[in-house]
Amino acid sequence: MKTALFYLAVLVLCALFFVLGLLNRETVEFDFVLGKETLPLIFVMLISFIFGAFLTLFVFGIKVWYWKGRAQSLEKEIANDRRSRENAAARRDFEQDKKA
């Protein structure tokens, strides 16, 4: 059922993009660093969308990488704390057995 809904959503989005493309066929002048080009507006919109998507992936990819590293270091810290508590409990039991 999920895959059917996914395919339906993709189909609806494709239809919307097709209509958007039909409505934005006029040409515009696109200025970029290396020069100027006359392109259909839909291509300029598509280029902007792709650039924005890659920029977002890059920024959030860095954040994900940071938080994964932070989570791993905290997991190690928790494991070390657990080990030290177990060692302290074993030492306390040993001292109590020694006194008895």
Protein backbone atom coordinates (compact mmCIF):
# COMPACT_ATOMS: atom_id res chain seq x y z
CA MET A 1 0.00 0.00 0.00
CA LYS A 2 2.85 2.38 0.85
CA THR A 3 4.53 1.82 -2.50
CA ALA A 4 1.27 2.52 -4.34
CA LEU A 5 0.91 5.82 -2.47
CA PHE A 6 4.53 6.65 -3.19
CA TYR A 7 4.08 6.03 -6.92
CA LEU A 8 0.87 8.07 -6.89
CA ALA A 9 2.67 10.97 -5.18
CA VAL A 10 5.50 10.78 -7.73
CA LEU A 11 3.00 10.75 -10.58
CA VAL A 12 1.17 13.79 -9.19
CA LEU A 13 4.46 15.66 -8.71
CA CYS A 14 5.55 14.84 -12.26
CA ALA A 15 2.24 16.15 -13.59
CA LEU A 16 2.64 19.34 -11.54
CA PHE A 17 6.18 19.86 -12.82
CA PHE A 18 4.97 19.28 -16.39
CA VAL A 19 2.27 21.93 -15.99
CA LEU A 20 4.79 24.26 -14.35
CA GLY A 21 7.09 23.77 -17.33
CA LEU A 22 4.31 24.53 -19.79
CA LEU A 23 3.42 27.72 -17.96
CA ASN A 24 7.04 28.96 -17.78
CA ARG A 25 8.29 28.57 -21.34
CA GLU A 26 9.26 32.20 -21.95
CA THR A 27 12.98 32.87 -22.24
CA VAL A 28 14.96 34.91 -19.75
CA GLU A 29 18.53 36.12 -19.67
CA PHE A 30 20.56 34.16 -17.14
CA ASP A 31 23.73 35.90 -15.87
CA PHE A 32 26.29 33.67 -14.23
CA VAL A 33 29.95 34.07 -13.31
CA LEU A 34 31.36 33.06 -16.68
CA GLY A 35 28.89 34.82 -18.93
CA LYS A 36 25.32 35.28 -20.03
CA GLU A 37 22.87 32.85 -21.55
CA THR A 38 19.28 33.05 -22.74
CA LEU A 39 17.32 30.09 -21.35
CA PRO A 40 13.69 29.13 -20.84
CA LEU A 41 12.48 30.19 -17.39
CA ILE A 42 11.75 26.59 -16.37
CA PHE A 43 15.43 25.69 -16.89
CA VAL A 44 16.52 28.61 -14.71
CA MET A 45 14.05 27.47 -12.05
CA LEU A 46 15.31 23.88 -12.34
CA ILE A 47 18.95 24.96 -12.07
CA SER A 48 18.11 27.04 -8.99
CA PHE A 49 16.22 24.15 -7.43
CA ILE A 50 19.07 21.68 -8.03
CA PHE A 51 21.67 24.11 -6.72
CA GLY A 52 19.57 24.75 -3.60
CA ALA A 53 19.04 21.03 -3.04
CA PHE A 54 22.77 20.30 -3.28
CA LEU A 55 23.57 23.20 -0.97
CA THR A 56 21.01 21.93 1.56
CA LEU A 57 22.40 18.39 1.35
CA PHE A 58 25.91 19.73 1.90
CA VAL A 59 24.96 21.83 4.94
CA PHE A 60 22.85 19.13 6.56
CA GLY A 61 25.41 16.48 5.64
CA ILE A 62 27.99 18.38 7.68
CA LYS A 63 25.55 18.66 10.59
CA VAL A 64 24.74 14.95 10.43
CA TRP A 65 28.46 14.11 10.35
CA TYR A 66 29.03 16.34 13.41
CA TRP A 67 26.14 14.88 15.40
CA LYS A 68 27.11 11.29 14.54
CA GLY A 69 30.61 11.96 15.85
CA ARG A 70 29.19 13.60 18.96
CA ALA A 71 26.87 10.61 19.57
CA GLN A 72 29.78 8.17 19.21
CA SER A 73 31.92 10.11 21.67
CA LEU A 74 29.04 10.22 24.18
CA GLU A 75 28.49 6.47 23.76
CA LYS A 76 32.16 5.90 24.54
CA GLU A 77 31.91 8.18 27.57
CA ILE A 78 28.84 6.27 28.82
CA ALA A 79 30.64 2.95 28.33
CA ASN A 80 33.66 4.24 30.27
CA ASP A 81 31.43 5.49 33.10
CA ARG A 82 29.64 2.13 33.23
CA ARG A 83 32.97 0.30 33.33
CA SER A 84 34.29 2.52 36.12
CA ARG A 85 31.07 2.00 38.14
CA GLU A 86 31.36 -1.78 37.71
CA ASN A 87 35.01 -1.67 38.77
CA ALA A 88 34.13 0.47 41.81
CA ALA A 89 31.36 -1.97 42.78
CA ALA A 90 33.71 -4.95 42.37
CA ARG A 91 36.36 -3.16 44.46
CA ARG A 92 33.79 -2.34 47.17
CA ASP A 93 32.60 -5.98 47.25
CA PHE A 94 36.20 -7.16 47.46
CA GLU A 95 36.92 -4.81 50.37
CA GLN A 96 33.78 -5.96 52.19
CA ASP A 97 34.71 -9.61 51.66
CA LYS A 98 38.22 -8.84 52.90
CA LYS A 99 36.87 -7.31 56.12
CA ALA A 100 34.52 -10.21 56.75
